C-alpha cells in the first residue's frame, strides 16, 4: 500500500478505506518510535470501536502503546500473522504489518483524517 494514498490520524494510525470496509495499521513513523515490536494484542473480530478510542495494544521492548481507532465501526478481521510475527509491524507497516479491518459505521469520519502530506507536516511540527 502506498502511504500517499492513505489517510492518517493524529495518533499515527493509517487507514485505507474501500467502500464500507477499511484496513488499519500504524505509520512508519509510529513503528520507528515504538522500536522492536514483541507482542500485538489484537482486538476481537466483531468488536465495536469508536473513533479516537483505544482499541488494542502493541508492545515493544520499550513500552506498551495504545492503538486508537481512526474511525468508528465493527472489527471484521484481524491480522492473525501478527500473533506469531509481531515484528511485521516494524518490517512492513503498510503491507504485511496491518492490524485490523473495520466496517465503517460513519464513513464521514474519514473526512476528519489527514492525507499523507498533512500527516508529514503534522508529525514534523509535533517534535
C-alpha atoms as a PDB file:
ATOM      1  CA  UNK A   1       0.000   0.000   0.000  1.00  0.00           C
ATOM      2  CA  UNK A   2       1.380   3.380  -0.900  1.00  0.00           C
ATOM      3  CA  UNK A   3       1.430   5.788   2.067  1.00  0.00           C
ATOM      4  CA  UNK A   4       0.492   8.721  -0.180  1.00  0.00           C
ATOM      5  CA  UNK A   5      -2.898   7.046  -0.839  1.00  0.00           C
ATOM      6  CA  UNK A   6      -3.734   6.565   2.851  1.00  0.00           C
ATOM      7  CA  UNK A   7      -5.453   8.710   5.471  1.00  0.00           C
ATOM      8  CA  UNK A   8      -3.760   9.264   8.846  1.00  0.00           C
ATOM      9  CA  UNK A   9      -4.910  10.010  12.386  1.00  0.00           C
ATOM     10  CA  UNK A  10      -3.043  12.398  14.687  1.00  0.00           C
ATOM     11  CA  UNK A  11      -2.216   9.335  16.798  1.00  0.00           C
ATOM     12  CA  UNK A  12      -0.215   7.818  13.877  1.00  0.00           C
ATOM     13  CA  UNK A  13      -2.646   5.171  12.644  1.00  0.00           C
ATOM     14  CA  UNK A  14      -3.192   4.836   8.895  1.00  0.00           C
ATOM     15  CA  UNK A  15      -6.394   3.756   7.201  1.00  0.00           C
ATOM     16  CA  UNK A  16      -7.113   2.523   3.699  1.00  0.00           C
ATOM     17  CA  UNK A  17     -10.838   2.671   3.030  1.00  0.00           C
ATOM     18  CA  UNK A  18     -12.517   0.792   0.215  1.00  0.00           C
ATOM     19  CA  UNK A  19     -16.271   1.206   0.233  1.00  0.00           C
ATOM     20  CA  UNK A  20     -17.637   0.395   3.698  1.00  0.00           C
ATOM     21  CA  UNK A  21     -14.514  -1.507   4.786  1.00  0.00           C
ATOM     22  CA  UNK A  22     -11.138  -0.155   5.819  1.00  0.00           C
ATOM     23  CA  UNK A  23      -7.770  -1.647   6.754  1.00  0.00           C
ATOM     24  CA  UNK A  24      -5.876  -0.071   9.662  1.00  0.00           C
ATOM     25  CA  UNK A  25      -2.223  -0.080  10.717  1.00  0.00           C
ATOM     26  CA  UNK A  26       0.385   2.141  12.314  1.00  0.00           C
ATOM     27  CA  UNK A  27       2.539   4.534  10.319  1.00  0.00           C
ATOM     28  CA  UNK A  28       6.209   4.016   9.568  1.00  0.00           C
ATOM     29  CA  UNK A  29       6.905   6.944  11.907  1.00  0.00           C
ATOM     30  CA  UNK A  30       4.988   5.202  14.729  1.00  0.00           C
ATOM     31  CA  UNK A  31       6.720   1.855  14.288  1.00  0.00           C
ATOM     32  CA  UNK A  32      10.122   3.612  14.437  1.00  0.00           C
ATOM     33  CA  UNK A  33       9.091   5.385  17.650  1.00  0.00           C
ATOM     34  CA  UNK A  34       7.956   2.068  19.169  1.00  0.00           C
ATOM     35  CA  UNK A  35      11.181   0.311  18.112  1.00  0.00           C
ATOM     36  CA  UNK A  36      11.183  -3.503  18.254  1.00  0.00           C
ATOM     37  CA  UNK A  37       7.603  -4.802  18.486  1.00  0.00           C
ATOM     38  CA  UNK A  38       7.472  -8.024  20.514  1.00  0.00           C
ATOM     39  CA  UNK A  39       3.726  -8.557  21.048  1.00  0.00           C
ATOM     40  CA  UNK A  40       0.478  -7.386  19.483  1.00  0.00           C
ATOM     41  CA  UNK A  41      -2.752  -7.643  21.473  1.00  0.00           C
ATOM     42  CA  UNK A  42      -5.273  -7.781  18.646  1.00  0.00           C
ATOM     43  CA  UNK A  43      -8.903  -6.784  19.168  1.00  0.00           C
ATOM     44  CA  UNK A  44     -11.587  -9.425  18.731  1.00  0.00           C
ATOM     45  CA  UNK A  45     -13.399  -9.664  15.413  1.00  0.00           C
ATOM     46  CA  UNK A  46     -16.933  -8.398  15.966  1.00  0.00           C
ATOM     47  CA  UNK A  47     -15.830  -5.763  18.486  1.00  0.00           C
ATOM     48  CA  UNK A  48     -17.361  -2.309  18.051  1.00  0.00           C
ATOM     49  CA  UNK A  49     -14.839   0.533  18.132  1.00  0.00           C
ATOM     50  CA  UNK A  50     -15.304   4.279  18.378  1.00  0.00           C
ATOM     51  CA  UNK A  51     -13.196   6.878  16.600  1.00  0.00           C
ATOM     52  CA  UNK A  52     -10.260   8.126  18.725  1.00  0.00           C
ATOM     53  CA  UNK A  53     -10.734   5.431  21.403  1.00  0.00           C
ATOM     54  CA  UNK A  54      -8.041   2.906  22.272  1.00  0.00           C
ATOM     55  CA  UNK A  55      -8.901  -0.440  20.695  1.00  0.00           C
ATOM     56  CA  UNK A  56      -5.720  -2.518  21.040  1.00  0.00           C
ATOM     57  CA  UNK A  57      -2.159  -2.550  22.363  1.00  0.00           C
ATOM     58  CA  UNK A  58       1.220  -3.009  20.680  1.00  0.00           C
ATOM     59  CA  UNK A  59       4.117  -3.895  22.969  1.00  0.00           C
ATOM     60  CA  UNK A  60       7.733  -3.229  22.119  1.00  0.00           C
ATOM     61  CA  UNK A  61      10.987  -3.648  24.001  1.00  0.00           C
ATOM     62  CA  UNK A  62      10.449  -0.018  25.124  1.00  0.00           C
ATOM     63  CA  UNK A  63       6.839   0.057  26.339  1.00  0.00           C
ATOM     64  CA  UNK A  64       3.211  -0.742  25.551  1.00  0.00           C
ATOM     65  CA  UNK A  65       1.471   1.576  23.101  1.00  0.00           C
ATOM     66  CA  UNK A  66      -2.272   2.048  22.677  1.00  0.00           C
ATOM     67  CA  UNK A  67      -3.610   1.955  19.135  1.00  0.00           C
ATOM     68  CA  UNK A  68      -6.623   4.176  18.552  1.00  0.00           C
ATOM     69  CA  UNK A  69      -9.454   3.532  16.128  1.00  0.00           C
ATOM     70  CA  UNK A  70      -9.190   6.117  13.327  1.00  0.00           C
ATOM     71  CA  UNK A  71     -12.912   5.572  12.611  1.00  0.00           C
ATOM     72  CA  UNK A  72     -15.941   4.044  14.305  1.00  0.00           C
ATOM     73  CA  UNK A  73     -17.251   0.675  13.255  1.00  0.00           C
ATOM     74  CA  UNK A  74     -17.144  -3.074  13.766  1.00  0.00           C
ATOM     75  CA  UNK A  75     -13.885  -5.016  13.522  1.00  0.00           C
ATOM     76  CA  UNK A  76     -14.395  -7.607  10.817  1.00  0.00           C
ATOM     77  CA  UNK A  77     -10.919  -9.139  10.578  1.00  0.00           C
ATOM     78  CA  UNK A  78      -7.581  -9.046  12.383  1.00  0.00           C
ATOM     79  CA  UNK A  79      -4.113  -9.801  11.056  1.00  0.00           C
ATOM     80  CA  UNK A  80      -3.578 -13.265  12.565  1.00  0.00           C
ATOM     81  CA  UNK A  81       0.034 -13.329  11.294  1.00  0.00           C
ATOM     82  CA  UNK A  82       0.955 -10.804  13.989  1.00  0.00           C
ATOM     83  CA  UNK A  83       0.351 -13.375  16.754  1.00  0.00           C
ATOM     84  CA  UNK A  84       3.484 -15.269  15.695  1.00  0.00           C
ATOM     85  CA  UNK A  85       5.265 -12.487  13.803  1.00  0.00           C
ATOM     86  CA  UNK A  86       4.728  -9.199  15.687  1.00  0.00           C
ATOM     87  CA  UNK A  87       7.895  -7.825  14.056  1.00  0.00           C
ATOM     88  CA  UNK A  88       5.888  -7.417  10.814  1.00  0.00           C
ATOM     89  CA  UNK A  89       4.629  -4.145  12.306  1.00  0.00           C
ATOM     90  CA  UNK A  90       8.236  -2.879  12.087  1.00  0.00           C
ATOM     91  CA  UNK A  91       9.266  -4.638   8.900  1.00  0.00           C
ATOM     92  CA  UNK A  92       6.222  -3.842   6.774  1.00  0.00           C
ATOM     93  CA  UNK A  93       3.907  -1.277   8.433  1.00  0.00           C
ATOM     94  CA  UNK A  94       1.926  -0.584   5.245  1.00  0.00           C
ATOM     95  CA  UNK A  95       1.707  -4.124   3.870  1.00  0.00           C
ATOM     96  CA  UNK A  96       2.157  -7.280   5.962  1.00  0.00           C
ATOM     97  CA  UNK A  97       2.059  -5.454   9.317  1.00  0.00           C
ATOM     98  CA  UNK A  98      -1.513  -4.148   9.067  1.00  0.00           C
ATOM     99  CA  UNK A  99      -3.526  -4.598  12.276  1.00  0.00           C
ATOM    100  CA  UNK A 100      -7.247  -4.989  11.591  1.00  0.00           C
ATOM    101  CA  UNK A 101     -10.098  -4.302   9.218  1.00  0.00           C
ATOM    102  CA  UNK A 102     -13.202  -2.400  10.221  1.00  0.00           C
ATOM    103  CA  UNK A 103     -16.652  -1.986   8.710  1.00  0.00           C
ATOM    104  CA  UNK A 104     -17.308   1.760   8.815  1.00  0.00           C
ATOM    105  CA  UNK A 105     -20.363   2.854  10.770  1.00  0.00           C
ATOM    106  CA  UNK A 106     -19.918   6.512   9.739  1.00  0.00           C
ATOM    107  CA  UNK A 107     -17.873   6.983   6.529  1.00  0.00           C
ATOM    108  CA  UNK A 108     -17.972  10.775   7.029  1.00  0.00           C
ATOM    109  CA  UNK A 109     -15.408  10.306   9.846  1.00  0.00           C
ATOM    110  CA  UNK A 110     -12.790   9.755   7.136  1.00  0.00           C
ATOM    111  CA  UNK A 111     -13.033  13.476   6.408  1.00  0.00           C
ATOM    112  CA  UNK A 112     -11.518  14.292   9.816  1.00  0.00           C
ATOM    113  CA  UNK A 113      -8.331  12.386   8.965  1.00  0.00           C
ATOM    114  CA  UNK A 114      -5.210  13.790   7.312  1.00  0.00           C
ATOM    115  CA  UNK A 115      -3.857  12.935   3.895  1.00  0.00           C
ATOM    116  CA  UNK A 116      -0.193  11.879   3.674  1.00  0.00           C
ATOM    117  CA  UNK A 117       1.051  15.417   3.016  1.00  0.00           C
ATOM    118  CA  UNK A 118      -0.781  16.904   6.013  1.00  0.00           C
ATOM    119  CA  UNK A 119       0.406  13.996   8.187  1.00  0.00           C
ATOM    120  CA  UNK A 120       4.040  14.585   7.194  1.00  0.00           C
ATOM    121  CA  UNK A 121       3.713  18.248   8.175  1.00  0.00           C
ATOM    122  CA  UNK A 122       1.911  17.449  11.446  1.00  0.00           C
ATOM    123  CA  UNK A 123       4.468  14.907  12.646  1.00  0.00           C
ATOM    124  CA  UNK A 124       7.428  17.158  11.859  1.00  0.00           C
ATOM    125  CA  UNK A 125       5.930  20.130  13.706  1.00  0.00           C
ATOM    126  CA  UNK A 126       4.946  17.981  16.703  1.00  0.00           C
ATOM    127  CA  UNK A 127       8.559  17.478  17.791  1.00  0.00           C
END
